[in-house]
Amino acid sequence: MGGTKTMKVKVRVIAATNKDLEEEIGAGRFRRDLFYRLNEISLRLPPLRDRREDIPMLVEYFIRSFQEQYSGRYVSPAVMRHLTDYQWPGNVR
């Protein structure tokens, strides 16, 4: 950036949104040409509130990931019920 020489680069762009980009294009809020450049592979992941069966697996993953720091920790059945009953209004990021 700011240089005077042309340089070849290889890049990959990973983008995420909670908007329907085709709807945004129709409303004039997103550029059609940019959408088609980004839309090489599209993954649609339903919000966590629509796939509550994934919650115990995710909890176990995070417990294992931080096992060295929090050795011997676990999630009780009551807490797991609370997590699966929660509405997750903003989803999880």
PDB file of N, CA and C in Angstrom:
ATOM      1  N   MET A   1       0.833  -1.172   0.000  1.00  0.00           N
ATOM      2  CA  MET A   1       0.000   0.000   0.000  1.00  0.00           C
ATOM      3  C   MET A   1       0.883   1.244   0.000  1.00  0.00           C
ATOM      4  N   GLY A   2       0.617   2.124  -0.867  1.00  0.00           N
ATOM      5  CA  GLY A   2       1.401   3.352  -0.930  1.00  0.00           C
ATOM      6  C   GLY A   2       2.663   3.220  -1.766  1.00  0.00           C
ATOM      7  N   GLY A   3       2.943   2.013  -2.262  1.00  0.00           N
ATOM      8  CA  GLY A   3       4.142   1.807  -3.061  1.00  0.00           C
ATOM      9  C   GLY A   3       3.924   2.216  -4.506  1.00  0.00           C
ATOM     10  N   THR A   4       4.992   2.163  -5.263  1.00  0.00           N
ATOM     11  CA  THR A   4       4.893   2.517  -6.677  1.00  0.00           C
ATOM     12  C   THR A   4       5.053   1.312  -7.585  1.00  0.00           C
ATOM     13  N   LYS A   5       5.442   0.157  -7.009  1.00  0.00           N
ATOM     14  CA  LYS A   5       5.612  -1.061  -7.796  1.00  0.00           C
ATOM     15  C   LYS A   5       4.358  -1.922  -7.708  1.00  0.00           C
ATOM     16  N   THR A   6       4.062  -2.606  -8.809  1.00  0.00           N
ATOM     17  CA  THR A   6       2.964  -3.568  -8.810  1.00  0.00           C
ATOM     18  C   THR A   6       3.489  -4.878  -8.245  1.00  0.00           C
ATOM     19  N   MET A   7       2.731  -5.455  -7.305  1.00  0.00           N
ATOM     20  CA  MET A   7       3.120  -6.727  -6.703  1.00  0.00           C
ATOM     21  C   MET A   7       1.967  -7.704  -6.846  1.00  0.00           C
ATOM     22  N   LYS A   8       2.298  -8.960  -7.197  1.00  0.00           N
ATOM     23  CA  LYS A   8       1.272  -9.990  -7.274  1.00  0.00           C
ATOM     24  C   LYS A   8       1.121 -10.598  -5.886  1.00  0.00           C
ATOM     25  N   VAL A   9      -0.126 -10.810  -5.488  1.00  0.00           N
ATOM     26  CA  VAL A   9      -0.400 -11.437  -4.202  1.00  0.00           C
ATOM     27  C   VAL A   9      -1.521 -12.453  -4.373  1.00  0.00           C
ATOM     28  N   LYS A  10      -1.536 -13.436  -3.496  1.00  0.00           N
ATOM     29  CA  LYS A  10      -2.632 -14.393  -3.450  1.00  0.00           C
ATOM     30  C   LYS A  10      -3.332 -14.170  -2.125  1.00  0.00           C
ATOM     31  N   VAL A  11      -4.624 -13.950  -2.184  1.00  0.00           N
ATOM     32  CA  VAL A  11      -5.387 -13.716  -0.964  1.00  0.00           C
ATOM     33  C   VAL A  11      -6.669 -14.536  -0.988  1.00  0.00           C
ATOM     34  N   ARG A  12      -7.177 -14.794   0.208  1.00  0.00           N
ATOM     35  CA  ARG A  12      -8.495 -15.396   0.365  1.00  0.00           C
ATOM     36  C   ARG A  12      -9.265 -14.505   1.321  1.00  0.00           C
ATOM     37  N   VAL A  13     -10.478 -14.246   0.983  1.00  0.00           N
ATOM     38  CA  VAL A  13     -11.331 -13.410   1.820  1.00  0.00           C
ATOM     39  C   VAL A  13     -12.435 -14.294   2.386  1.00  0.00           C
ATOM     40  N   ILE A  14     -12.552 -14.292   3.694  1.00  0.00           N
ATOM     41  CA  ILE A  14     -13.648 -14.997   4.351  1.00  0.00           C
ATOM     42  C   ILE A  14     -14.511 -13.915   4.985  1.00  0.00           C
ATOM     43  N   ALA A  15     -15.768 -13.881   4.595  1.00  0.00           N
ATOM     44  CA  ALA A  15     -16.675 -12.847   5.084  1.00  0.00           C
ATOM     45  C   ALA A  15     -17.914 -13.497   5.693  1.00  0.00           C
ATOM     46  N   ALA A  16     -18.459 -12.857   6.706  1.00  0.00           N
ATOM     47  CA  ALA A  16     -19.663 -13.382   7.350  1.00  0.00           C
ATOM     48  C   ALA A  16     -20.638 -12.235   7.581  1.00  0.00           C
ATOM     49  N   THR A  17     -21.918 -12.567   7.533  1.00  0.00           N
ATOM     50  CA  THR A  17     -22.947 -11.572   7.784  1.00  0.00           C
ATOM     51  C   THR A  17     -24.198 -12.266   8.290  1.00  0.00           C
ATOM     52  N   ASN A  18     -25.027 -11.498   8.969  1.00  0.00           N
ATOM     53  CA  ASN A  18     -26.328 -12.028   9.374  1.00  0.00           C
ATOM     54  C   ASN A  18     -27.428 -11.450   8.483  1.00  0.00           C
ATOM     55  N   LYS A  19     -27.032 -10.791   7.416  1.00  0.00           N
ATOM     56  CA  LYS A  19     -27.981 -10.194   6.467  1.00  0.00           C
ATOM     57  C   LYS A  19     -28.182 -11.112   5.270  1.00  0.00           C
ATOM     58  N   ASP A  20     -29.314 -11.000   4.634  1.00  0.00           N
ATOM     59  CA  ASP A  20     -29.560 -11.674   3.370  1.00  0.00           C
ATOM     60  C   ASP A  20     -29.012 -10.737   2.288  1.00  0.00           C
ATOM     61  N   LEU A  21     -27.842 -11.069   1.757  1.00  0.00           N
ATOM     62  CA  LEU A  21     -27.176 -10.147   0.840  1.00  0.00           C
ATOM     63  C   LEU A  21     -27.927  -9.964  -0.469  1.00  0.00           C
ATOM     64  N   GLU A  22     -28.633 -10.978  -0.925  1.00  0.00           N
ATOM     65  CA  GLU A  22     -29.426 -10.801  -2.146  1.00  0.00           C
ATOM     66  C   GLU A  22     -30.542  -9.785  -1.903  1.00  0.00           C
ATOM     67  N   GLU A  23     -31.121  -9.807  -0.718  1.00  0.00           N
ATOM     68  CA  GLU A  23     -32.135  -8.810  -0.356  1.00  0.00           C
ATOM     69  C   GLU A  23     -31.494  -7.429  -0.248  1.00  0.00           C
ATOM     70  N   GLU A  24     -30.293  -7.373   0.316  1.00  0.00           N
ATOM     71  CA  GLU A  24     -29.575  -6.097   0.443  1.00  0.00           C
ATOM     72  C   GLU A  24     -29.225  -5.524  -0.922  1.00  0.00           C
ATOM     73  N   ILE A  25     -28.887  -6.389  -1.866  1.00  0.00           N
ATOM     74  CA  ILE A  25     -28.607  -5.926  -3.235  1.00  0.00           C
ATOM     75  C   ILE A  25     -29.871  -5.316  -3.833  1.00  0.00           C
ATOM     76  N   GLY A  26     -30.998  -6.006  -3.666  1.00  0.00           N
ATOM     77  CA  GLY A  26     -32.271  -5.512  -4.195  1.00  0.00           C
ATOM     78  C   GLY A  26     -32.660  -4.162  -3.615  1.00  0.00           C
ATOM     79  N   ALA A  27     -32.283  -3.935  -2.352  1.00  0.00           N
ATOM     80  CA  ALA A  27     -32.607  -2.665  -1.694  1.00  0.00           C
ATOM     81  C   ALA A  27     -31.542  -1.602  -1.951  1.00  0.00           C
ATOM     82  N   GLY A  28     -30.484  -1.966  -2.694  1.00  0.00           N
ATOM     83  CA  GLY A  28     -29.439  -0.992  -3.014  1.00  0.00           C
ATOM     84  C   GLY A  28     -28.454  -0.749  -1.885  1.00  0.00           C
ATOM     85  N   ARG A  29     -28.373  -1.668  -0.926  1.00  0.00           N
ATOM     86  CA  ARG A  29     -27.473  -1.484   0.214  1.00  0.00           C
ATOM     87  C   ARG A  29     -26.203  -2.325   0.117  1.00  0.00           C
ATOM     88  N   PHE A  30     -26.089  -3.128  -0.932  1.00  0.00           N
ATOM     89  CA  PHE A  30     -24.885  -3.936  -1.129  1.00  0.00           C
ATOM     90  C   PHE A  30     -24.620  -4.044  -2.619  1.00  0.00           C
ATOM     91  N   ARG A  31     -23.352  -3.964  -2.994  1.00  0.00           N
ATOM     92  CA  ARG A  31     -22.986  -3.977  -4.416  1.00  0.00           C
ATOM     93  C   ARG A  31     -23.076  -5.373  -5.003  1.00  0.00           C
ATOM     94  N   ARG A  32     -23.775  -5.487  -6.108  1.00  0.00           N
ATOM     95  CA  ARG A  32     -23.946  -6.772  -6.799  1.00  0.00           C
ATOM     96  C   ARG A  32     -22.593  -7.356  -7.223  1.00  0.00           C
ATOM     97  N   ASP A  33     -21.703  -6.536  -7.782  1.00  0.00           N
ATOM     98  CA  ASP A  33     -20.415  -7.047  -8.250  1.00  0.00           C
ATOM     99  C   ASP A  33     -19.585  -7.594  -7.093  1.00  0.00           C
ATOM    100  N   LEU A  34     -19.642  -6.953  -5.949  1.00  0.00           N
ATOM    101  CA  LEU A  34     -18.902  -7.435  -4.781  1.00  0.00           C
ATOM    102  C   LEU A  34     -19.488  -8.755  -4.282  1.00  0.00           C
ATOM    103  N   PHE A  35     -20.806  -8.850  -4.288  1.00  0.00           N
ATOM    104  CA  PHE A  35     -21.463 -10.092  -3.868  1.00  0.00           C
ATOM    105  C   PHE A  35     -20.983 -11.266  -4.720  1.00  0.00           C
ATOM    106  N   TYR A  36     -20.956 -11.108  -6.027  1.00  0.00           N
ATOM    107  CA  TYR A  36     -20.565 -12.213  -6.903  1.00  0.00           C
ATOM    108  C   TYR A  36     -19.085 -12.543  -6.790  1.00  0.00           C
ATOM    109  N   ARG A  37     -18.262 -11.588  -6.405  1.00  0.00           N
ATOM    110  CA  ARG A  37     -16.842 -11.881  -6.173  1.00  0.00           C
ATOM    111  C   ARG A  37     -16.657 -12.650  -4.866  1.00  0.00           C
ATOM    112  N   LEU A  38     -17.449 -12.313  -3.861  1.00  0.00           N
ATOM    113  CA  LEU A  38     -17.342 -12.976  -2.557  1.00  0.00           C
ATOM    114  C   LEU A  38     -18.073 -14.310  -2.499  1.00  0.00           C
ATOM    115  N   ASN A  39     -19.076 -14.497  -3.328  1.00  0.00           N
ATOM    116  CA  ASN A  39     -19.979 -15.632  -3.214  1.00  0.00           C
ATOM    117  C   ASN A  39     -19.482 -16.875  -3.957  1.00  0.00           C
ATOM    118  N   GLU A  40     -18.215 -17.182  -3.830  1.00  0.00           N
ATOM    119  CA  GLU A  40     -17.658 -18.380  -4.464  1.00  0.00           C
ATOM    120  C   GLU A  40     -18.183 -19.637  -3.774  1.00  0.00           C
ATOM    121  N   ILE A  41     -18.117 -19.661  -2.461  1.00  0.00           N
ATOM    122  CA  ILE A  41     -18.651 -20.762  -1.656  1.00  0.00           C
ATOM    123  C   ILE A  41     -19.500 -20.132  -0.567  1.00  0.00           C
ATOM    124  N   SER A  42     -20.722 -20.579  -0.450  1.00  0.00           N
ATOM    125  CA  SER A  42     -21.634 -20.001   0.532  1.00  0.00           C
ATOM    126  C   SER A  42     -22.022 -21.068   1.547  1.00  0.00           C
ATOM    127  N   LEU A  43     -21.835 -20.759   2.802  1.00  0.00           N
ATOM    128  CA  LEU A  43     -22.246 -21.652   3.882  1.00  0.00           C
ATOM    129  C   LEU A  43     -23.327 -20.950   4.683  1.00  0.00           C
ATOM    130  N   ARG A  44     -24.446 -21.585   4.820  1.00  0.00           N
ATOM    131  CA  ARG A  44     -25.526 -21.017   5.626  1.00  0.00           C
ATOM    132  C   ARG A  44     -25.628 -21.831   6.895  1.00  0.00           C
ATOM    133  N   LEU A  45     -25.402 -21.172   8.012  1.00  0.00           N
ATOM    134  CA  LEU A  45     -25.432 -21.827   9.307  1.00  0.00           C
ATOM    135  C   LEU A  45     -26.597 -21.271  10.103  1.00  0.00           C
ATOM    136  N   PRO A  46     -27.557 -22.111  10.455  1.00  0.00           N
ATOM    137  CA  PRO A  46     -28.701 -21.615  11.221  1.00  0.00           C
ATOM    138  C   PRO A  46     -28.248 -21.088  12.579  1.00  0.00           C
ATOM    139  N   PRO A  47     -28.991 -20.158  13.158  1.00  0.00           N
ATOM    140  CA  PRO A  47     -28.615 -19.644  14.475  1.00  0.00           C
ATOM    141  C   PRO A  47     -28.665 -20.761  15.525  1.00  0.00           C
ATOM    142  N   LEU A  48     -27.901 -20.590  16.574  1.00  0.00           N
ATOM    143  CA  LEU A  48     -27.810 -21.595  17.627  1.00  0.00           C
ATOM    144  C   LEU A  48     -29.176 -21.916  18.227  1.00  0.00           C
ATOM    145  N   ARG A  49     -30.043 -20.942  18.320  1.00  0.00           N
ATOM    146  CA  ARG A  49     -31.379 -21.188  18.886  1.00  0.00           C
ATOM    147  C   ARG A  49     -32.184 -22.181  18.049  1.00  0.00           C
ATOM    148  N   ASP A  50     -31.799 -22.376  16.773  1.00  0.00           N
ATOM    149  CA  ASP A  50     -32.485 -23.326  15.906  1.00  0.00           C
ATOM    150  C   ASP A  50     -31.780 -24.681  15.828  1.00  0.00           C
ATOM    151  N   ARG A  51     -30.693 -24.822  16.560  1.00  0.00           N
ATOM    152  CA  ARG A  51     -29.963 -26.096  16.574  1.00  0.00           C
ATOM    153  C   ARG A  51     -29.416 -26.376  17.971  1.00  0.00           C
ATOM    154  N   ARG A  52     -30.313 -26.370  18.913  1.00  0.00           N
ATOM    155  CA  ARG A  52     -29.960 -26.547  20.332  1.00  0.00           C
ATOM    156  C   ARG A  52     -29.248 -27.865  20.603  1.00  0.00           C
ATOM    157  N   GLU A  53     -29.460 -28.865  19.754  1.00  0.00           N
ATOM    158  CA  GLU A  53     -28.799 -30.155  19.949  1.00  0.00           C
ATOM    159  C   GLU A  53     -27.273 -30.042  19.838  1.00  0.00           C
ATOM    160  N   ASP A  54     -26.772 -28.944  19.260  1.00  0.00           N
ATOM    161  CA  ASP A  54     -25.324 -28.724  19.148  1.00  0.00           C
ATOM    162  C   ASP A  54     -24.713 -28.178  20.436  1.00  0.00           C
ATOM    163  N   ILE A  55     -25.516 -27.655  21.327  1.00  0.00           N
ATOM    164  CA  ILE A  55     -24.997 -26.967  22.517  1.00  0.00           C
ATOM    165  C   ILE A  55     -24.135 -27.886  23.386  1.00  0.00           C
ATOM    166  N   PRO A  56     -24.583 -29.094  23.765  1.00  0.00           N
ATOM    167  CA  PRO A  56     -23.703 -29.937  24.589  1.00  0.00           C
ATOM    168  C   PRO A  56     -22.345 -30.225  23.929  1.00  0.00           C
ATOM    169  N   MET A  57     -22.336 -30.442  22.618  1.00  0.00           N
ATOM    170  CA  MET A  57     -21.087 -30.689  21.906  1.00  0.00           C
ATOM    171  C   MET A  57     -20.177 -29.456  21.963  1.00  0.00           C
ATOM    172  N   LEU A  58     -20.756 -28.277  21.781  1.00  0.00           N
ATOM    173  CA  LEU A  58     -19.967 -27.039  21.847  1.00  0.00           C
ATOM    174  C   LEU A  58     -19.409 -26.817  23.248  1.00  0.00           C
ATOM    175  N   VAL A  59     -20.221 -27.077  24.271  1.00  0.00           N
ATOM    176  CA  VAL A  59     -19.765 -26.920  25.657  1.00  0.00           C
ATOM    177  C   VAL A  59     -18.575 -27.849  25.909  1.00  0.00           C
ATOM    178  N   GLU A  60     -18.697 -29.093  25.502  1.00  0.00           N
ATOM    179  CA  GLU A  60     -17.602 -30.053  25.690  1.00  0.00           C
ATOM    180  C   GLU A  60     -16.345 -29.620  24.947  1.00  0.00           C
ATOM    181  N   TYR A  61     -16.511 -29.092  23.750  1.00  0.00           N
ATOM    182  CA  TYR A  61     -15.367 -28.615  22.975  1.00  0.00           C
ATOM    183  C   TYR A  61     -14.628 -27.518  23.741  1.00  0.00           C
ATOM    184  N   PHE A  62     -15.371 -26.549  24.268  1.00  0.00           N
ATOM    185  CA  PHE A  62     -14.721 -25.445  24.975  1.00  0.00           C
ATOM    186  C   PHE A  62     -14.110 -25.898  26.299  1.00  0.00           C
ATOM    187  N   ILE A  63     -14.729 -26.822  26.960  1.00  0.00           N
ATOM    188  CA  ILE A  63     -14.140 -27.358  28.196  1.00  0.00           C
ATOM    189  C   ILE A  63     -12.809 -28.041  27.877  1.00  0.00           C
ATOM    190  N   ARG A  64     -12.776 -28.865  26.836  1.00  0.00           N
ATOM    191  CA  ARG A  64     -11.526 -29.527  26.441  1.00  0.00           C
ATOM    192  C   ARG A  64     -10.469 -28.517  26.002  1.00  0.00           C
ATOM    193  N   SER A  65     -10.887 -27.472  25.293  1.00  0.00           N
ATOM    194  CA  SER A  65      -9.949 -26.465  24.785  1.00  0.00           C
ATOM    195  C   SER A  65      -9.229 -25.725  25.912  1.00  0.00           C
ATOM    196  N   PHE A  66      -9.913 -25.541  27.029  1.00  0.00           N
ATOM    197  CA  PHE A  66      -9.333 -24.809  28.146  1.00  0.00           C
ATOM    198  C   PHE A  66      -9.033 -25.718  29.331  1.00  0.00           C
ATOM    199  N   GLN A  67      -8.868 -27.005  29.069  1.00  0.00           N
ATOM    200  CA  GLN A  67      -8.685 -28.004  30.111  1.00  0.00           C
ATOM    201  C   GLN A  67      -7.451 -27.727  30.976  1.00  0.00           C
ATOM    202  N   GLU A  68      -6.356 -27.285  30.370  1.00  0.00           N
ATOM    203  CA  GLU A  68      -5.142 -27.013  31.136  1.00  0.00           C
ATOM    204  C   GLU A  68      -5.367 -25.896  32.150  1.00  0.00           C
ATOM    205  N   GLN A  69      -6.107 -24.877  31.781  1.00  0.00           N
ATOM    206  CA  GLN A  69      -6.357 -23.747  32.668  1.00  0.00           C
ATOM    207  C   GLN A  69      -7.405 -24.076  33.729  1.00  0.00           C
ATOM    208  N   TYR A  70      -8.381 -24.870  33.376  1.00  0.00           N
ATOM    209  CA  TYR A  70      -9.523 -25.129  34.260  1.00  0.00           C
ATOM    210  C   TYR A  70      -9.684 -26.625  34.517  1.00  0.00           C
ATOM    211  N   SER A  71      -8.618 -27.267  34.890  1.00  0.00           N
ATOM    212  CA  SER A  71      -8.621 -28.704  35.138  1.00  0.00           C
ATOM    213  C   SER A  71      -9.703 -29.090  36.150  1.00  0.00           C
ATOM    214  N   GLY A  72     -10.419 -30.160  35.833  1.00  0.00           N
ATOM    215  CA  GLY A  72     -11.435 -30.666  36.754  1.00  0.00           C
ATOM    216  C   GLY A  72     -12.769 -29.952  36.682  1.00  0.00           C
ATOM    217  N   ARG A  73     -12.902 -28.967  35.820  1.00  0.00           N
ATOM    218  CA  ARG A  73     -14.167 -28.239  35.688  1.00  0.00           C
ATOM    219  C   ARG A  73     -15.121 -29.020  34.812  1.00  0.00           C
ATOM    220  N   TYR A  74     -16.388 -28.838  35.049  1.00  0.00           N
ATOM    221  CA  TYR A  74     -17.411 -29.494  34.244  1.00  0.00           C
ATOM    222  C   TYR A  74     -18.669 -28.641  34.282  1.00  0.00           C
ATOM    223  N   VAL A  75     -19.621 -28.983  33.465  1.00  0.00           N
ATOM    224  CA  VAL A  75     -20.909 -28.284  33.423  1.00  0.00           C
ATOM    225  C   VAL A  75     -21.956 -29.240  33.990  1.00  0.00           C
ATOM    226  N   SER A  76     -22.634 -28.800  35.022  1.00  0.00           N
ATOM    227  CA  SER A  76     -23.642 -29.643  35.658  1.00  0.00           C
ATOM    228  C   SER A  76     -24.850 -29.806  34.736  1.00  0.00           C
ATOM    229  N   PRO A  77     -25.643 -30.851  34.961  1.00  0.00           N
ATOM    230  CA  PRO A  77     -26.862 -31.027  34.147  1.00  0.00           C
ATOM    231  C   PRO A  77     -27.800 -29.816  34.226  1.00  0.00           C
ATOM    232  N   ALA A  78     -27.881 -29.169  35.383  1.00  0.00           N
ATOM    233  CA  ALA A  78     -28.750 -27.984  35.526  1.00  0.00           C
ATOM    234  C   ALA A  78     -28.263 -26.839  34.641  1.00  0.00           C
ATOM    235  N   VAL A  79     -26.958 -26.639  34.602  1.00  0.00           N
ATOM    236  CA  VAL A  79     -26.399 -25.573  33.758  1.00  0.00           C
ATOM    237  C   VAL A  79     -26.596 -25.917  32.281  1.00  0.00           C
ATOM    238  N   MET A  80     -26.409 -27.188  31.935  1.00  0.00           N
ATOM    239  CA  MET A  80     -26.612 -27.597  30.540  1.00  0.00           C
ATOM    240  C   MET A  80     -28.070 -27.365  30.131  1.00  0.00           C
ATOM    241  N   ARG A  81     -29.014 -27.663  31.012  1.00  0.00           N
ATOM    242  CA  ARG A  81     -30.435 -27.396  30.713  1.00  0.00           C
ATOM    243  C   ARG A  81     -30.664 -25.899  30.507  1.00  0.00           C
ATOM    244  N   HIS A  82     -30.029 -25.083  31.365  1.00  0.00           N
ATOM    245  CA  HIS A  82     -30.175 -23.635  31.222  1.00  0.00           C
ATOM    246  C   HIS A  82     -29.624 -23.175  29.856  1.00  0.00           C
ATOM    247  N   LEU A  83     -28.470 -23.695  29.473  1.00  0.00           N
ATOM    248  CA  LEU A  83     -27.880 -23.314  28.186  1.00  0.00           C
ATOM    249  C   LEU A  83     -28.750 -23.745  27.012  1.00  0.00           C
ATOM    250  N   THR A  84     -29.332 -24.927  27.091  1.00  0.00           N
ATOM    251  CA  THR A  84     -30.155 -25.395  25.970  1.00  0.00           C
ATOM    252  C   THR A  84     -31.536 -24.743  25.953  1.00  0.00           C
ATOM    253  N   ASP A  85     -32.016 -24.273  27.116  1.00  0.00           N
ATOM    254  CA  ASP A  85     -33.311 -23.589  27.175  1.00  0.00           C
ATOM    255  C   ASP A  85     -33.209 -22.106  26.816  1.00  0.00           C
ATOM    256  N   TYR A  86     -32.000 -21.538  26.902  1.00  0.00           N
ATOM    257  CA  TYR A  86     -31.796 -20.121  26.636  1.00  0.00           C
ATOM    258  C   TYR A  86     -32.149 -19.806  25.175  1.00  0.00           C
ATOM    259  N   GLN A  87     -32.686 -18.630  24.908  1.00  0.00           N
ATOM    260  CA  GLN A  87     -33.147 -18.263  23.559  1.00  0.00           C
ATOM    261  C   GLN A  87     -32.036 -17.818  22.616  1.00  0.00           C
ATOM    262  N   TRP A  88     -30.859 -17.489  23.118  1.00  0.00           N
ATOM    263  CA  TRP A  88     -29.732 -17.046  22.286  1.00  0.00           C
ATOM    264  C   TRP A  88     -30.158 -15.975  21.286  1.00  0.00           C
ATOM    265  N   PRO A  89     -30.668 -14.834  21.785  1.00  0.00           N
ATOM    266  CA  PRO A  89     -31.205 -13.800  20.886  1.00  0.00           C
ATOM    267  C   PRO A  89     -30.176 -13.198  19.935  1.00  0.00           C
ATOM    268  N   GLY A  90     -28.948 -13.098  20.339  1.00  0.00           N
ATOM    269  CA  GLY A  90     -27.942 -12.495  19.453  1.00  0.00           C
ATOM    270  C   GLY A  90     -27.036 -13.526  18.831  1.00  0.00           C
ATOM    271  N   ASN A  91     -27.371 -14.793  19.008  1.00  0.00           N
ATOM    272  CA  ASN A  91     -26.550 -15.899  18.547  1.00  0.00           C
ATOM    273  C   ASN A  91     -25.221 -15.879  19.305  1.00  0.00           C
ATOM    274  N   VAL A  92     -24.237 -16.556  18.807  1.00  0.00           N
ATOM    275  CA  VAL A  92     -22.938 -16.673  19.468  1.00  0.00           C
ATOM    276  C   VAL A  92     -21.879 -16.270  18.466  1.00  0.00           C
ATOM    277  N   ARG A  93     -20.947 -15.471  18.891  1.00  0.00           N
ATOM    278  CA  ARG A  93     -19.857 -15.061  18.005  1.00  0.00           C
ATOM    279  C   ARG A  93     -18.546 -15.492  18.619  1.00  0.00           C
TER     280      ARG A  93
END
